[in-house]
Amino acid sequence: MNGVDLRREQQALLDDLVEYRLNNGLSQGDVAARAGVSRSSISVLENGKRSPGLLNLIRYANAIGVEITFTVKRR
């Protein structure tokens, strides 16, 4: 997987997390407070102005009560 594919997968995961947040009535402010960051940081992340990065995705997921799991496959 190259860098472009990785960024695409990270964005897809973030999109799913944002959808979960919205479906569960959580605001960006709720996520920010739970993650210990500013609401503007959450906004920047959600609007694609910053690459999500794995640690930010995990922090976001924890803030909305979701666990991220990974499956490793051999080629």
C-alpha atoms as a PDB file:
ATOM      1  CA  MET A   1       0.000   0.000   0.000  1.00  0.00           C
ATOM      2  CA  ASN A   2       1.457   3.332  -0.978  1.00  0.00           C
ATOM      3  CA  GLY A   3       1.039   6.694   0.743  1.00  0.00           C
ATOM      4  CA  VAL A   4      -1.923   7.739  -1.406  1.00  0.00           C
ATOM      5  CA  ASP A   5      -3.776   4.497  -0.637  1.00  0.00           C
ATOM      6  CA  LEU A   6      -3.055   4.874   3.078  1.00  0.00           C
ATOM      7  CA  ARG A   7      -4.389   8.442   3.148  1.00  0.00           C
ATOM      8  CA  ARG A   8      -7.490   7.296   1.264  1.00  0.00           C
ATOM      9  CA  GLU A   9      -8.098   4.501   3.802  1.00  0.00           C
ATOM     10  CA  GLN A  10      -7.560   6.874   6.720  1.00  0.00           C
ATOM     11  CA  GLN A  11     -10.045   9.339   5.220  1.00  0.00           C
ATOM     12  CA  ALA A  12     -12.580   6.558   4.650  1.00  0.00           C
ATOM     13  CA  LEU A  13     -12.255   5.506   8.293  1.00  0.00           C
ATOM     14  CA  LEU A  14     -12.669   9.113   9.434  1.00  0.00           C
ATOM     15  CA  ASP A  15     -15.777   9.454   7.250  1.00  0.00           C
ATOM     16  CA  ASP A  16     -17.258   6.385   8.966  1.00  0.00           C
ATOM     17  CA  LEU A  17     -16.418   7.788  12.403  1.00  0.00           C
ATOM     18  CA  VAL A  18     -18.007  11.150  11.577  1.00  0.00           C
ATOM     19  CA  GLU A  19     -21.137   9.370  10.349  1.00  0.00           C
ATOM     20  CA  TYR A  20     -21.259   7.440  13.630  1.00  0.00           C
ATOM     21  CA  ARG A  21     -20.831  10.699  15.579  1.00  0.00           C
ATOM     22  CA  LEU A  22     -23.689  12.347  13.714  1.00  0.00           C
ATOM     23  CA  ASN A  23     -25.986   9.324  14.008  1.00  0.00           C
ATOM     24  CA  ASN A  24     -25.436   9.305  17.767  1.00  0.00           C
ATOM     25  CA  GLY A  25     -26.129  12.994  18.288  1.00  0.00           C
ATOM     26  CA  LEU A  26     -22.625  13.999  19.284  1.00  0.00           C
ATOM     27  CA  SER A  27     -21.354  17.459  18.382  1.00  0.00           C
ATOM     28  CA  GLN A  28     -17.824  18.391  17.419  1.00  0.00           C
ATOM     29  CA  GLY A  29     -17.635  20.068  20.818  1.00  0.00           C
ATOM     30  CA  ASP A  30     -18.542  16.792  22.540  1.00  0.00           C
ATOM     31  CA  VAL A  31     -15.782  14.970  20.689  1.00  0.00           C
ATOM     32  CA  ALA A  32     -13.289  17.741  21.393  1.00  0.00           C
ATOM     33  CA  ALA A  33     -14.034  17.750  25.121  1.00  0.00           C
ATOM     34  CA  ARG A  34     -13.718  13.978  25.350  1.00  0.00           C
ATOM     35  CA  ALA A  35     -10.504  13.948  23.283  1.00  0.00           C
ATOM     36  CA  GLY A  36      -8.945  16.864  25.144  1.00  0.00           C
ATOM     37  CA  VAL A  37      -8.553  19.059  22.062  1.00  0.00           C
ATOM     38  CA  SER A  38     -10.226  22.188  20.738  1.00  0.00           C
ATOM     39  CA  ARG A  39     -13.438  22.081  18.706  1.00  0.00           C
ATOM     40  CA  SER A  40     -11.570  23.782  15.877  1.00  0.00           C
ATOM     41  CA  SER A  41      -9.087  20.876  15.813  1.00  0.00           C
ATOM     42  CA  ILE A  42     -11.985  18.473  15.313  1.00  0.00           C
ATOM     43  CA  SER A  43     -13.439  20.718  12.606  1.00  0.00           C
ATOM     44  CA  VAL A  44     -10.116  20.879  10.746  1.00  0.00           C
ATOM     45  CA  LEU A  45      -9.795  17.100  10.940  1.00  0.00           C
ATOM     46  CA  GLU A  46     -13.352  16.425   9.766  1.00  0.00           C
ATOM     47  CA  ASN A  47     -13.136  18.903   6.906  1.00  0.00           C
ATOM     48  CA  GLY A  48     -10.021  17.291   5.447  1.00  0.00           C
ATOM     49  CA  LYS A  49      -7.761  20.258   6.087  1.00  0.00           C
ATOM     50  CA  ARG A  50      -5.360  17.942   7.905  1.00  0.00           C
ATOM     51  CA  SER A  51      -4.521  14.313   7.238  1.00  0.00           C
ATOM     52  CA  PRO A  52      -6.171  12.237   9.974  1.00  0.00           C
ATOM     53  CA  GLY A  53      -3.175  10.106  10.970  1.00  0.00           C
ATOM     54  CA  LEU A  54      -3.574   6.890  12.936  1.00  0.00           C
ATOM     55  CA  LEU A  55      -3.184   8.389  16.403  1.00  0.00           C
ATOM     56  CA  ASN A  56      -5.772  11.093  15.684  1.00  0.00           C
ATOM     57  CA  LEU A  57      -8.181   8.475  14.355  1.00  0.00           C
ATOM     58  CA  ILE A  58      -7.765   6.380  17.497  1.00  0.00           C
ATOM     59  CA  ARG A  59      -8.238   9.431  19.742  1.00  0.00           C
ATOM     60  CA  TYR A  60     -11.362  10.445  17.786  1.00  0.00           C
ATOM     61  CA  ALA A  61     -12.770   6.908  17.923  1.00  0.00           C
ATOM     62  CA  ASN A  62     -12.204   6.688  21.677  1.00  0.00           C
ATOM     63  CA  ALA A  63     -13.943  10.032  22.143  1.00  0.00           C
ATOM     64  CA  ILE A  64     -17.085   8.761  20.421  1.00  0.00           C
ATOM     65  CA  GLY A  65     -16.995   5.363  22.124  1.00  0.00           C
ATOM     66  CA  VAL A  66     -15.817   3.285  19.155  1.00  0.00           C
ATOM     67  CA  GLU A  67     -12.986   0.776  19.097  1.00  0.00           C
ATOM     68  CA  ILE A  68     -10.834   0.524  15.983  1.00  0.00           C
ATOM     69  CA  THR A  69      -9.601  -2.985  15.215  1.00  0.00           C
ATOM     70  CA  PHE A  70      -7.238  -4.084  12.483  1.00  0.00           C
ATOM     71  CA  THR A  71      -6.859  -7.276  10.515  1.00  0.00           C
ATOM     72  CA  VAL A  72      -3.480  -8.127   9.117  1.00  0.00           C
ATOM     73  CA  LYS A  73      -3.443 -10.232   5.966  1.00  0.00           C
ATOM     74  CA  ARG A  74      -0.551 -11.927   4.261  1.00  0.00           C
ATOM     75  CA  ARG A  75      -0.157 -11.299   0.573  1.00  0.00           C
END
